[in-house]
Amino acid sequence: MINVTKTYLPNKEKYQKYVDEIYASGWVTNNGPVVKKLEKKLAEYLGVKHIVLVANGTAALEIAYRTLNLKGYAVTTPFSFVATTSSLVTNGLNPIFADNNSQTLNTTQNKKVINQ
């Protein structure tokens, strides 16, 4: 079962070390030293030159839509957080909902959707 509502909580002691580092720097938001360190580690791990951390998935989706200059329709699933659809609409895209496979919970190929 995929639980879409349970919050992931990191190891408390490890998390506290990062909080202490943030407090020591006095830089809580917008490209502080802890963010830069995480971006660097992620870029190395993923093997990419550029990476941008954002506050939430909605912001990430909106940046992606704008960067890709998407227009028209987008196939998505109704089995998701509301921001998946609202971010499409906010950026002028028209969502088309696809069915989900009851076994895999992935979207399924729907000829009616694809031919729109």
PDB file of N, CA and C in Angstrom:
ATOM      1  N   MET A   1       0.836  -1.185   0.000  1.00  0.00           N
ATOM      2  CA  MET A   1       0.000   0.000   0.000  1.00  0.00           C
ATOM      3  C   MET A   1       0.878   1.246   0.000  1.00  0.00           C
ATOM      4  N   ILE A   2       0.493   2.211  -0.793  1.00  0.00           N
ATOM      5  CA  ILE A   2       1.201   3.484  -0.831  1.00  0.00           C
ATOM      6  C   ILE A   2       0.404   4.486  -0.012  1.00  0.00           C
ATOM      7  N   ASN A   3       0.989   4.945   1.072  1.00  0.00           N
ATOM      8  CA  ASN A   3       0.310   5.909   1.930  1.00  0.00           C
ATOM      9  C   ASN A   3       0.680   7.310   1.460  1.00  0.00           C
ATOM     10  N   VAL A   4      -0.287   8.050   0.932  1.00  0.00           N
ATOM     11  CA  VAL A   4      -0.006   9.389   0.397  1.00  0.00           C
ATOM     12  C   VAL A   4      -0.217  10.490   1.430  1.00  0.00           C
ATOM     13  N   THR A   5      -0.572  10.122   2.651  1.00  0.00           N
ATOM     14  CA  THR A   5      -0.846  11.146   3.651  1.00  0.00           C
ATOM     15  C   THR A   5       0.096  11.130   4.843  1.00  0.00           C
ATOM     16  N   LYS A   6       0.947  10.128   4.956  1.00  0.00           N
ATOM     17  CA  LYS A   6       1.844  10.039   6.106  1.00  0.00           C
ATOM     18  C   LYS A   6       3.096  10.874   5.862  1.00  0.00           C
ATOM     19  N   THR A   7       3.417  11.720   6.800  1.00  0.00           N
ATOM     20  CA  THR A   7       4.583  12.583   6.699  1.00  0.00           C
ATOM     21  C   THR A   7       5.852  11.803   7.009  1.00  0.00           C
ATOM     22  N   TYR A   8       6.889  12.022   6.204  1.00  0.00           N
ATOM     23  CA  TYR A   8       8.187  11.425   6.465  1.00  0.00           C
ATOM     24  C   TYR A   8       8.897  12.268   7.516  1.00  0.00           C
ATOM     25  N   LEU A   9       9.397  11.640   8.550  1.00  0.00           N
ATOM     26  CA  LEU A   9      10.158  12.340   9.579  1.00  0.00           C
ATOM     27  C   LEU A   9      11.581  11.777   9.607  1.00  0.00           C
ATOM     28  N   PRO A  10      12.588  12.650   9.481  1.00  0.00           N
ATOM     29  CA  PRO A  10      13.972  12.178   9.485  1.00  0.00           C
ATOM     30  C   PRO A  10      14.415  11.782  10.892  1.00  0.00           C
ATOM     31  N   ASN A  11      15.589  11.189  10.974  1.00  0.00           N
ATOM     32  CA  ASN A  11      16.192  10.856  12.249  1.00  0.00           C
ATOM     33  C   ASN A  11      16.336  12.144  13.068  1.00  0.00           C
ATOM     34  N   LYS A  12      15.786  12.154  14.265  1.00  0.00           N
ATOM     35  CA  LYS A  12      15.731  13.374  15.082  1.00  0.00           C
ATOM     36  C   LYS A  12      17.116  13.910  15.443  1.00  0.00           C
ATOM     37  N   GLU A  13      18.048  13.044  15.803  1.00  0.00           N
ATOM     38  CA  GLU A  13      19.383  13.500  16.195  1.00  0.00           C
ATOM     39  C   GLU A  13      20.138  14.093  15.005  1.00  0.00           C
ATOM     40  N   LYS A  14      20.052  13.433  13.862  1.00  0.00           N
ATOM     41  CA  LYS A  14      20.715  13.941  12.658  1.00  0.00           C
ATOM     42  C   LYS A  14      20.095  15.276  12.236  1.00  0.00           C
ATOM     43  N   TYR A  15      18.777  15.347  12.302  1.00  0.00           N
ATOM     44  CA  TYR A  15      18.069  16.577  11.948  1.00  0.00           C
ATOM     45  C   TYR A  15      18.485  17.724  12.873  1.00  0.00           C
ATOM     46  N   GLN A  16      18.624  17.438  14.153  1.00  0.00           N
ATOM     47  CA  GLN A  16      18.994  18.467  15.137  1.00  0.00           C
ATOM     48  C   GLN A  16      20.349  19.084  14.815  1.00  0.00           C
ATOM     49  N   LYS A  17      21.283  18.274  14.287  1.00  0.00           N
ATOM     50  CA  LYS A  17      22.597  18.806  13.907  1.00  0.00           C
ATOM     51  C   LYS A  17      22.463  19.873  12.820  1.00  0.00           C
ATOM     52  N   TYR A  18      21.563  19.629  11.864  1.00  0.00           N
ATOM     53  CA  TYR A  18      21.337  20.625  10.805  1.00  0.00           C
ATOM     54  C   TYR A  18      20.668  21.870  11.354  1.00  0.00           C
ATOM     55  N   VAL A  19      19.719  21.684  12.262  1.00  0.00           N
ATOM     56  CA  VAL A  19      19.048  22.834  12.886  1.00  0.00           C
ATOM     57  C   VAL A  19      20.072  23.666  13.652  1.00  0.00           C
ATOM     58  N   ASP A  20      20.967  23.007  14.380  1.00  0.00           N
ATOM     59  CA  ASP A  20      22.019  23.720  15.118  1.00  0.00           C
ATOM     60  C   ASP A  20      22.916  24.511  14.159  1.00  0.00           C
ATOM     61  N   GLU A  21      23.235  23.918  13.016  1.00  0.00           N
ATOM     62  CA  GLU A  21      24.064  24.600  12.019  1.00  0.00           C
ATOM     63  C   GLU A  21      23.340  25.832  11.456  1.00  0.00           C
ATOM     64  N   ILE A  22      22.060  25.698  11.234  1.00  0.00           N
ATOM     65  CA  ILE A  22      21.262  26.832  10.739  1.00  0.00           C
ATOM     66  C   ILE A  22      21.239  27.950  11.779  1.00  0.00           C
ATOM     67  N   TYR A  23      21.002  27.595  13.027  1.00  0.00           N
ATOM     68  CA  TYR A  23      20.984  28.609  14.090  1.00  0.00           C
ATOM     69  C   TYR A  23      22.341  29.287  14.236  1.00  0.00           C
ATOM     70  N   ALA A  24      23.409  28.518  14.121  1.00  0.00           N
ATOM     71  CA  ALA A  24      24.759  29.080  14.252  1.00  0.00           C
ATOM     72  C   ALA A  24      25.053  30.089  13.147  1.00  0.00           C
ATOM     73  N   SER A  25      24.547  29.817  11.949  1.00  0.00           N
ATOM     74  CA  SER A  25      24.791  30.740  10.832  1.00  0.00           C
ATOM     75  C   SER A  25      23.850  31.947  10.887  1.00  0.00           C
ATOM     76  N   GLY A  26      22.688  31.769  11.512  1.00  0.00           N
ATOM     77  CA  GLY A  26      21.697  32.848  11.547  1.00  0.00           C
ATOM     78  C   GLY A  26      20.977  33.032  10.222  1.00  0.00           C
ATOM     79  N   TRP A  27      21.196  32.129   9.275  1.00  0.00           N
ATOM     80  CA  TRP A  27      20.617  32.237   7.938  1.00  0.00           C
ATOM     81  C   TRP A  27      19.567  31.141   7.791  1.00  0.00           C
ATOM     82  N   VAL A  28      18.302  31.541   7.851  1.00  0.00           N
ATOM     83  CA  VAL A  28      17.210  30.585   7.888  1.00  0.00           C
ATOM     84  C   VAL A  28      16.620  30.297   6.506  1.00  0.00           C
ATOM     85  N   THR A  29      16.656  31.271   5.606  1.00  0.00           N
ATOM     86  CA  THR A  29      15.980  31.099   4.321  1.00  0.00           C
ATOM     87  C   THR A  29      16.866  31.500   3.152  1.00  0.00           C
ATOM     88  N   ASN A  30      16.394  31.180   1.975  1.00  0.00           N
ATOM     89  CA  ASN A  30      16.920  31.705   0.713  1.00  0.00           C
ATOM     90  C   ASN A  30      18.416  31.565   0.517  1.00  0.00           C
ATOM     91  N   ASN A  31      18.828  30.367   0.168  1.00  0.00           N
ATOM     92  CA  ASN A  31      20.194  30.142  -0.292  1.00  0.00           C
ATOM     93  C   ASN A  31      21.253  30.278   0.798  1.00  0.00           C
ATOM     94  N   GLY A  32      20.914  29.877   1.996  1.00  0.00           N
ATOM     95  CA  GLY A  32      21.887  29.906   3.089  1.00  0.00           C
ATOM     96  C   GLY A  32      22.922  28.813   2.953  1.00  0.00           C
ATOM     97  N   PRO A  33      23.891  28.769   3.864  1.00  0.00           N
ATOM     98  CA  PRO A  33      24.988  27.799   3.755  1.00  0.00           C
ATOM     99  C   PRO A  33      24.532  26.339   3.821  1.00  0.00           C
ATOM    100  N   VAL A  34      23.516  26.029   4.584  1.00  0.00           N
ATOM    101  CA  VAL A  34      23.037  24.649   4.671  1.00  0.00           C
ATOM    102  C   VAL A  34      22.372  24.245   3.355  1.00  0.00           C
ATOM    103  N   VAL A  35      21.622  25.159   2.757  1.00  0.00           N
ATOM    104  CA  VAL A  35      20.988  24.895   1.462  1.00  0.00           C
ATOM    105  C   VAL A  35      22.059  24.679   0.396  1.00  0.00           C
ATOM    106  N   LYS A  36      23.059  25.551   0.387  1.00  0.00           N
ATOM    107  CA  LYS A  36      24.137  25.424  -0.611  1.00  0.00           C
ATOM    108  C   LYS A  36      24.863  24.086  -0.463  1.00  0.00           C
ATOM    109  N   LYS A  37      25.105  23.672   0.775  1.00  0.00           N
ATOM    110  CA  LYS A  37      25.789  22.399   1.033  1.00  0.00           C
ATOM    111  C   LYS A  37      24.940  21.231   0.506  1.00  0.00           C
ATOM    112  N   LEU A  38      23.636  21.271   0.777  1.00  0.00           N
ATOM    113  CA  LEU A  38      22.753  20.206   0.313  1.00  0.00           C
ATOM    114  C   LEU A  38      22.672  20.191  -1.210  1.00  0.00           C
ATOM    115  N   GLU A  39      22.567  21.367  -1.832  1.00  0.00           N
ATOM    116  CA  GLU A  39      22.528  21.422  -3.294  1.00  0.00           C
ATOM    117  C   GLU A  39      23.797  20.823  -3.899  1.00  0.00           C
ATOM    118  N   LYS A  40      24.934  21.136  -3.312  1.00  0.00           N
ATOM    119  CA  LYS A  40      26.208  20.615  -3.816  1.00  0.00           C
ATOM    120  C   LYS A  40      26.253  19.092  -3.692  1.00  0.00           C
ATOM    121  N   LYS A  41      25.858  18.577  -2.528  1.00  0.00           N
ATOM    122  CA  LYS A  41      25.862  17.129  -2.315  1.00  0.00           C
ATOM    123  C   LYS A  41      24.890  16.420  -3.263  1.00  0.00           C
ATOM    124  N   LEU A  42      23.711  17.011  -3.455  1.00  0.00           N
ATOM    125  CA  LEU A  42      22.726  16.414  -4.357  1.00  0.00           C
ATOM    126  C   LEU A  42      23.213  16.428  -5.799  1.00  0.00           C
ATOM    127  N   ALA A  43      23.804  17.538  -6.225  1.00  0.00           N
ATOM    128  CA  ALA A  43      24.317  17.642  -7.591  1.00  0.00           C
ATOM    129  C   ALA A  43      25.391  16.576  -7.833  1.00  0.00           C
ATOM    130  N   GLU A  44      26.279  16.395  -6.874  1.00  0.00           N
ATOM    131  CA  GLU A  44      27.329  15.373  -6.999  1.00  0.00           C
ATOM    132  C   GLU A  44      26.714  13.971  -7.045  1.00  0.00           C
ATOM    133  N   TYR A  45      25.792  13.716  -6.143  1.00  0.00           N
ATOM    134  CA  TYR A  45      25.148  12.402  -6.072  1.00  0.00           C
ATOM    135  C   TYR A  45      24.389  12.074  -7.358  1.00  0.00           C
ATOM    136  N   LEU A  46      23.686  13.078  -7.906  1.00  0.00           N
ATOM    137  CA  LEU A  46      22.880  12.868  -9.106  1.00  0.00           C
ATOM    138  C   LEU A  46      23.679  13.012 -10.402  1.00  0.00           C
ATOM    139  N   GLY A  47      24.889  13.550 -10.290  1.00  0.00           N
ATOM    140  CA  GLY A  47      25.724  13.724 -11.470  1.00  0.00           C
ATOM    141  C   GLY A  47      25.231  14.816 -12.394  1.00  0.00           C
ATOM    142  N   VAL A  48      24.726  15.907 -11.808  1.00  0.00           N
ATOM    143  CA  VAL A  48      24.228  17.031 -12.602  1.00  0.00           C
ATOM    144  C   VAL A  48      24.998  18.298 -12.258  1.00  0.00           C
ATOM    145  N   LYS A  49      24.980  19.259 -13.186  1.00  0.00           N
ATOM    146  CA  LYS A  49      25.681  20.523 -12.954  1.00  0.00           C
ATOM    147  C   LYS A  49      24.850  21.504 -12.137  1.00  0.00           C
ATOM    148  N   HIS A  50      23.538  21.506 -12.353  1.00  0.00           N
ATOM    149  CA  HIS A  50      22.676  22.502 -11.728  1.00  0.00           C
ATOM    150  C   HIS A  50      21.528  21.832 -10.981  1.00  0.00           C
ATOM    151  N   ILE A  51      21.222  22.399  -9.831  1.00  0.00           N
ATOM    152  CA  ILE A  51      20.098  21.913  -9.036  1.00  0.00           C
ATOM    153  C   ILE A  51      19.551  23.090  -8.241  1.00  0.00           C
ATOM    154  N   VAL A  52      18.249  23.116  -8.053  1.00  0.00           N
ATOM    155  CA  VAL A  52      17.610  24.183  -7.289  1.00  0.00           C
ATOM    156  C   VAL A  52      16.689  23.542  -6.260  1.00  0.00           C
ATOM    157  N   LEU A  53      16.918  23.862  -4.996  1.00  0.00           N
ATOM    158  CA  LEU A  53      16.019  23.392  -3.951  1.00  0.00           C
ATOM    159  C   LEU A  53      14.886  24.403  -3.788  1.00  0.00           C
ATOM    160  N   VAL A  54      13.685  23.887  -3.617  1.00  0.00           N
ATOM    161  CA  VAL A  54      12.524  24.749  -3.407  1.00  0.00           C
ATOM    162  C   VAL A  54      11.783  24.292  -2.161  1.00  0.00           C
ATOM    163  N   ALA A  55      10.864  25.109  -1.701  1.00  0.00           N
ATOM    164  CA  ALA A  55      10.187  24.856  -0.436  1.00  0.00           C
ATOM    165  C   ALA A  55       9.191  23.702  -0.487  1.00  0.00           C
ATOM    166  N   ASN A  56       8.656  23.410  -1.661  1.00  0.00           N
ATOM    167  CA  ASN A  56       7.633  22.372  -1.737  1.00  0.00           C
ATOM    168  C   ASN A  56       7.465  21.875  -3.172  1.00  0.00           C
ATOM    169  N   GLY A  57       6.698  20.826  -3.320  1.00  0.00           N
ATOM    170  CA  GLY A  57       6.467  20.224  -4.630  1.00  0.00           C
ATOM    171  C   GLY A  57       5.702  21.127  -5.576  1.00  0.00           C
ATOM    172  N   THR A  58       4.804  21.944  -5.040  1.00  0.00           N
ATOM    173  CA  THR A  58       4.051  22.868  -5.890  1.00  0.00           C
ATOM    174  C   THR A  58       4.995  23.834  -6.588  1.00  0.00           C
ATOM    175  N   ALA A  59       5.912  24.407  -5.852  1.00  0.00           N
ATOM    176  CA  ALA A  59       6.884  25.330  -6.445  1.00  0.00           C
ATOM    177  C   ALA A  59       7.735  24.603  -7.483  1.00  0.00           C
ATOM    178  N   ALA A  60       8.122  23.367  -7.201  1.00  0.00           N
ATOM    179  CA  ALA A  60       8.932  22.594  -8.150  1.00  0.00           C
ATOM    180  C   ALA A  60       8.163  22.356  -9.450  1.00  0.00           C
ATOM    181  N   LEU A  61       6.896  21.982  -9.328  1.00  0.00           N
ATOM    182  CA  LEU A  61       6.080  21.766 -10.525  1.00  0.00           C
ATOM    183  C   LEU A  61       5.933  23.046 -11.337  1.00  0.00           C
ATOM    184  N   GLU A  62       5.658  24.154 -10.660  1.00  0.00           N
ATOM    185  CA  GLU A  62       5.463  25.417 -11.374  1.00  0.00           C
ATOM    186  C   GLU A  62       6.744  25.867 -12.074  1.00  0.00           C
ATOM    187  N   ILE A  63       7.884  25.680 -11.440  1.00  0.00           N
ATOM    188  CA  ILE A  63       9.162  26.019 -12.087  1.00  0.00           C
ATOM    189  C   ILE A  63       9.360  25.143 -13.324  1.00  0.00           C
ATOM    190  N   ALA A  64       9.050  23.867 -13.206  1.00  0.00           N
ATOM    191  CA  ALA A  64       9.213  22.952 -14.346  1.00  0.00           C
ATOM    192  C   ALA A  64       8.312  23.358 -15.506  1.00  0.00           C
ATOM    193  N   TYR A  65       7.039  23.664 -15.238  1.00  0.00           N
ATOM    194  CA  TYR A  65       6.114  24.056 -16.311  1.00  0.00           C
ATOM    195  C   TYR A  65       6.606  25.306 -17.024  1.00  0.00           C
ATOM    196  N   ARG A  66       7.052  26.279 -16.239  1.00  0.00           N
ATOM    197  CA  ARG A  66       7.508  27.545 -16.829  1.00  0.00           C
ATOM    198  C   ARG A  66       8.821  27.372 -17.581  1.00  0.00           C
ATOM    199  N   THR A  67       9.735  26.590 -17.017  1.00  0.00           N
ATOM    200  CA  THR A  67      11.022  26.351 -17.674  1.00  0.00           C
ATOM    201  C   THR A  67      10.824  25.642 -19.010  1.00  0.00           C
ATOM    202  N   LEU A  68       9.918  24.687 -19.035  1.00  0.00           N
ATOM    203  CA  LEU A  68       9.646  23.927 -20.252  1.00  0.00           C
ATOM    204  C   LEU A  68       8.675  24.640 -21.193  1.00  0.00           C
ATOM    205  N   ASN A  69       8.126  25.778 -20.731  1.00  0.00           N
ATOM    206  CA  ASN A  69       7.185  26.568 -21.533  1.00  0.00           C
ATOM    207  C   ASN A  69       6.021  25.706 -22.031  1.00  0.00           C
ATOM    208  N   LEU A  70       5.455  24.919 -21.121  1.00  0.00           N
ATOM    209  CA  LEU A  70       4.371  24.017 -21.495  1.00  0.00           C
ATOM    210  C   LEU A  70       3.090  24.790 -21.775  1.00  0.00           C
ATOM    211  N   LYS A  71       2.337  24.304 -22.744  1.00  0.00           N
ATOM    212  CA  LYS A  71       1.051  24.895 -23.129  1.00  0.00           C
ATOM    213  C   LYS A  71       0.066  23.768 -23.413  1.00  0.00           C
ATOM    214  N   GLY A  72      -1.208  24.073 -23.351  1.00  0.00           N
ATOM    215  CA  GLY A  72      -2.229  23.110 -23.771  1.00  0.00           C
ATOM    216  C   GLY A  72      -2.690  22.189 -22.660  1.00  0.00           C
ATOM    217  N   TYR A  73      -2.658  20.884 -22.957  1.00  0.00           N
ATOM    218  CA  TYR A  73      -3.195  19.866 -22.060  1.00  0.00           C
ATOM    219  C   TYR A  73      -2.083  19.084 -21.383  1.00  0.00           C
ATOM    220  N   ALA A  74      -2.404  18.560 -20.200  1.00  0.00           N
ATOM    221  CA  ALA A  74      -1.471  17.703 -19.476  1.00  0.00           C
ATOM    222  C   ALA A  74      -2.242  16.543 -18.871  1.00  0.00           C
ATOM    223  N   VAL A  75      -1.782  15.341 -19.135  1.00  0.00           N
ATOM    224  CA  VAL A  75      -2.409  14.148 -18.571  1.00  0.00           C
ATOM    225  C   VAL A  75      -1.859  13.955 -17.166  1.00  0.00           C
ATOM    226  N   THR A  76      -2.756  13.772 -16.221  1.00  0.00           N
ATOM    227  CA  THR A  76      -2.364  13.584 -14.828  1.00  0.00           C
ATOM    228  C   THR A  76      -3.312  12.597 -14.172  1.00  0.00           C
ATOM    229  N   THR A  77      -3.090  12.336 -12.925  1.00  0.00           N
ATOM    230  CA  THR A  77      -3.938  11.416 -12.176  1.00  0.00           C
ATOM    231  C   THR A  77      -4.743  12.168 -11.113  1.00  0.00           C
ATOM    232  N   PRO A  78      -5.969  11.754 -10.866  1.00  0.00           N
ATOM    233  CA  PRO A  78      -6.718  12.354  -9.766  1.00  0.00           C
ATOM    234  C   PRO A  78      -6.263  11.808  -8.409  1.00  0.00           C
ATOM    235  N   PHE A  79      -5.464  10.740  -8.425  1.00  0.00           N
ATOM    236  CA  PHE A  79      -4.969  10.111  -7.191  1.00  0.00           C
ATOM    237  C   PHE A  79      -3.668  10.784  -6.783  1.00  0.00           C
ATOM    238  N   SER A  80      -3.776  12.032  -6.346  1.00  0.00           N
ATOM    239  CA  SER A  80      -2.604  12.827  -6.019  1.00  0.00           C
ATOM    240  C   SER A  80      -3.025  13.967  -5.106  1.00  0.00           C
ATOM    241  N   PHE A  81      -2.040  14.673  -4.612  1.00  0.00           N
ATOM    242  CA  PHE A  81      -2.306  15.869  -3.814  1.00  0.00           C
ATOM    243  C   PHE A  81      -2.919  16.931  -4.716  1.00  0.00           C
ATOM    244  N   VAL A  82      -3.762  17.784  -4.182  1.00  0.00           N
ATOM    245  CA  VAL A  82      -4.485  18.781  -4.976  1.00  0.00           C
ATOM    246  C   VAL A  82      -3.538  19.705  -5.755  1.00  0.00           C
ATOM    247  N   ALA A  83      -2.342  19.939  -5.245  1.00  0.00           N
ATOM    248  CA  ALA A  83      -1.393  20.839  -5.919  1.00  0.00           C
ATOM    249  C   ALA A  83      -0.969  20.320  -7.288  1.00  0.00           C
ATOM    250  N   THR A  84      -1.040  19.012  -7.497  1.00  0.00           N
ATOM    251  CA  THR A  84      -0.690  18.463  -8.803  1.00  0.00           C
ATOM    252  C   THR A  84      -1.562  19.082  -9.881  1.00  0.00           C
ATOM    253  N   THR A  85      -2.854  19.165  -9.612  1.00  0.00           N
ATOM    254  CA  THR A  85      -3.790  19.745 -10.576  1.00  0.00           C
ATOM    255  C   THR A  85      -3.817  21.267 -10.492  1.00  0.00           C
ATOM    256  N   SER A  86      -3.819  21.815  -9.292  1.00  0.00           N
ATOM    257  CA  SER A  86      -3.927  23.280  -9.173  1.00  0.00           C
ATOM    258  C   SER A  86      -2.723  23.985  -9.778  1.00  0.00           C
ATOM    259  N   SER A  87      -1.540  23.367  -9.701  1.00  0.00           N
ATOM    260  CA  SER A  87      -0.360  23.990 -10.312  1.00  0.00           C
ATOM    261  C   SER A  87      -0.472  23.995 -11.835  1.00  0.00           C
ATOM    262  N   LEU A  88      -1.098  22.982 -12.401  1.00  0.00           N
ATOM    263  CA  LEU A  88      -1.345  22.983 -13.852  1.00  0.00           C
ATOM    264  C   LEU A  88      -2.254  24.146 -14.234  1.00  0.00           C
ATOM    265  N   VAL A  89      -3.376  24.245 -13.526  1.00  0.00           N
ATOM    266  CA  VAL A  89      -4.365  25.280 -13.835  1.00  0.00           C
ATOM    267  C   VAL A  89      -3.771  26.673 -13.635  1.00  0.00           C
ATOM    268  N   THR A  90      -3.040  26.872 -12.552  1.00  0.00           N
ATOM    269  CA  THR A  90      -2.410  28.161 -12.269  1.00  0.00           C
ATOM    270  C   THR A  90      -1.488  28.599 -13.401  1.00  0.00           C
ATOM    271  N   ASN A  91      -0.881  27.636 -14.081  1.00  0.00           N
ATOM    272  CA  ASN A  91       0.057  27.932 -15.156  1.00  0.00           C
ATOM    273  C   ASN A  91      -0.571  27.814 -16.547  1.00  0.00           C
ATOM    274  N   GLY A  92      -1.912  27.851 -16.604  1.00  0.00           N
ATOM    275  CA  GLY A  92      -2.616  27.886 -17.885  1.00  0.00           C
ATOM    276  C   GLY A  92      -2.679  26.561 -18.615  1.00  0.00           C
ATOM    277  N   LEU A  93      -2.391  25.474 -17.928  1.00  0.00           N
ATOM    278  CA  LEU A  93      -2.491  24.151 -18.548  1.00  0.00           C
ATOM    279  C   LEU A  93      -3.831  23.524 -18.197  1.00  0.00           C
ATOM    280  N   ASN A  94      -4.359  22.724 -19.106  1.00  0.00           N
ATOM    281  CA  ASN A  94      -5.645  22.071 -18.889  1.00  0.00           C
ATOM    282  C   ASN A  94      -5.428  20.613 -18.516  1.00  0.00           C
ATOM    283  N   PRO A  95      -5.772  20.245 -17.266  1.00  0.00           N
ATOM    284  CA  PRO A  95      -5.560  18.859 -16.848  1.00  0.00           C
ATOM    285  C   PRO A  95      -6.571  17.910 -17.482  1.00  0.00           C
ATOM    286  N   ILE A  96      -6.090  16.756 -17.873  1.00  0.00           N
ATOM    287  CA  ILE A  96      -6.943  15.656 -18.317  1.00  0.00           C
ATOM    288  C   ILE A  96      -6.610  14.496 -17.397  1.00  0.00           C
ATOM    289  N   PHE A  97      -7.627  13.957 -16.746  1.00  0.00           N
ATOM    290  CA  PHE A  97      -7.396  12.908 -15.768  1.00  0.00           C
ATOM    291  C   PHE A  97      -7.387  11.533 -16.430  1.00  0.00           C
ATOM    292  N   ALA A  98      -6.358  10.765 -16.126  1.00  0.00           N
ATOM    293  CA  ALA A  98      -6.232   9.395 -16.618  1.00  0.00           C
ATOM    294  C   ALA A  98      -6.639   8.429 -15.518  1.00  0.00           C
ATOM    295  N   ASP A  99      -7.053   7.250 -15.924  1.00  0.00           N
ATOM    296  CA  ASP A  99      -7.399   6.212 -14.958  1.00  0.00           C
ATOM    297  C   ASP A  99      -6.133   5.670 -14.306  1.00  0.00           C
ATOM    298  N   ASN A 100      -6.299   5.081 -13.133  1.00  0.00           N
ATOM    299  CA  ASN A 100      -5.190   4.432 -12.448  1.00  0.00           C
ATOM    300  C   ASN A 100      -5.389   2.931 -12.479  1.00  0.00           C
ATOM    301  N   ASN A 101      -4.306   2.197 -12.680  1.00  0.00           N
ATOM    302  CA  ASN A 101      -4.332   0.753 -12.609  1.00  0.00           C
ATOM    303  C   ASN A 101      -4.482   0.370 -11.134  1.00  0.00           C
ATOM    304  N   SER A 102      -5.474  -0.424 -10.817  1.00  0.00           N
ATOM    305  CA  SER A 102      -5.746  -0.757  -9.409  1.00  0.00           C
ATOM    306  C   SER A 102      -4.637  -1.598  -8.775  1.00  0.00           C
ATOM    307  N   GLN A 103      -3.825  -2.273  -9.572  1.00  0.00           N
ATOM    308  CA  GLN A 103      -2.742  -3.092  -9.032  1.00  0.00           C
ATOM    309  C   GLN A 103      -1.465  -2.292  -8.800  1.00  0.00           C
ATOM    310  N   THR A 104      -1.114  -1.431  -9.760  1.00  0.00           N
ATOM    311  CA  THR A 104       0.156  -0.698  -9.681  1.00  0.00           C
ATOM    312  C   THR A 104      -0.014   0.736  -9.203  1.00  0.00           C
ATOM    313  N   LEU A 105      -1.236   1.250  -9.271  1.00  0.00           N
ATOM    314  CA  LEU A 105      -1.580   2.642  -8.957  1.00  0.00           C
ATOM    315  C   LEU A 105      -0.944   3.634  -9.934  1.00  0.00           C
ATOM    316  N   ASN A 106      -0.368   3.133 -11.030  1.00  0.00           N
ATOM    317  CA  ASN A 106       0.154   3.996 -12.079  1.00  0.00           C
ATOM    318  C   ASN A 106      -0.969   4.389 -13.027  1.00  0.00           C
ATOM    319  N   THR A 107      -0.773   5.484 -13.746  1.00  0.00           N
ATOM    320  CA  THR A 107      -1.773   5.861 -14.740  1.00  0.00           C
ATOM    321  C   THR A 107      -1.779   4.830 -15.854  1.00  0.00           C
ATOM    322  N   THR A 108      -2.928   4.639 -16.451  1.00  0.00           N
ATOM    323  CA  THR A 108      -3.076   3.654 -17.518  1.00  0.00           C
ATOM    324  C   THR A 108      -3.276   4.353 -18.841  1.00  0.00           C
ATOM    325  N   GLN A 109      -2.953   3.659 -19.900  1.00  0.00           N
ATOM    326  CA  GLN A 109      -3.164   4.217 -21.233  1.00  0.00           C
ATOM    327  C   GLN A 109      -4.656   4.198 -21.507  1.00  0.00           C
ATOM    328  N   ASN A 110      -5.186   5.352 -21.823  1.00  0.00           N
ATOM    329  CA  ASN A 110      -6.610   5.507 -22.067  1.00  0.00           C
ATOM    330  C   ASN A 110      -6.750   6.177 -23.424  1.00  0.00           C
ATOM    331  N   LYS A 111      -7.195   5.448 -24.435  1.00  0.00           N
ATOM    332  CA  LYS A 111      -7.257   5.979 -25.797  1.00  0.00           C
ATOM    333  C   LYS A 111      -8.105   7.235 -25.882  1.00  0.00           C
ATOM    334  N   LYS A 112      -9.172   7.298 -25.099  1.00  0.00           N
ATOM    335  CA  LYS A 112     -10.031   8.485 -25.107  1.00  0.00           C
ATOM    336  C   LYS A 112      -9.209   9.707 -24.673  1.00  0.00           C
ATOM    337  N   VAL A 113      -8.408   9.553 -23.610  1.00  0.00           N
ATOM    338  CA  VAL A 113      -7.584  10.647 -23.109  1.00  0.00           C
ATOM    339  C   VAL A 113      -6.520  11.024 -24.126  1.00  0.00           C
ATOM    340  N   ILE A 114      -5.837  10.036 -24.671  1.00  0.00           N
ATOM    341  CA  ILE A 114      -4.725  10.287 -25.580  1.00  0.00           C
ATOM    342  C   ILE A 114      -5.187  10.963 -26.871  1.00  0.00           C
ATOM    343  N   ASN A 115      -6.398  10.643 -27.329  1.00  0.00           N
ATOM    344  CA  ASN A 115      -6.883  11.210 -28.587  1.00  0.00           C
ATOM    345  C   ASN A 115      -7.517  12.591 -28.453  1.00  0.00           C
ATOM    346  N   GLN A 116      -7.568  13.140 -27.270  1.00  0.00           N
ATOM    347  CA  GLN A 116      -8.178  14.478 -27.110  1.00  0.00           C
ATOM    348  C   GLN A 116      -7.300  15.544 -27.673  1.00  0.00           C
TER     349      GLN A 116
END
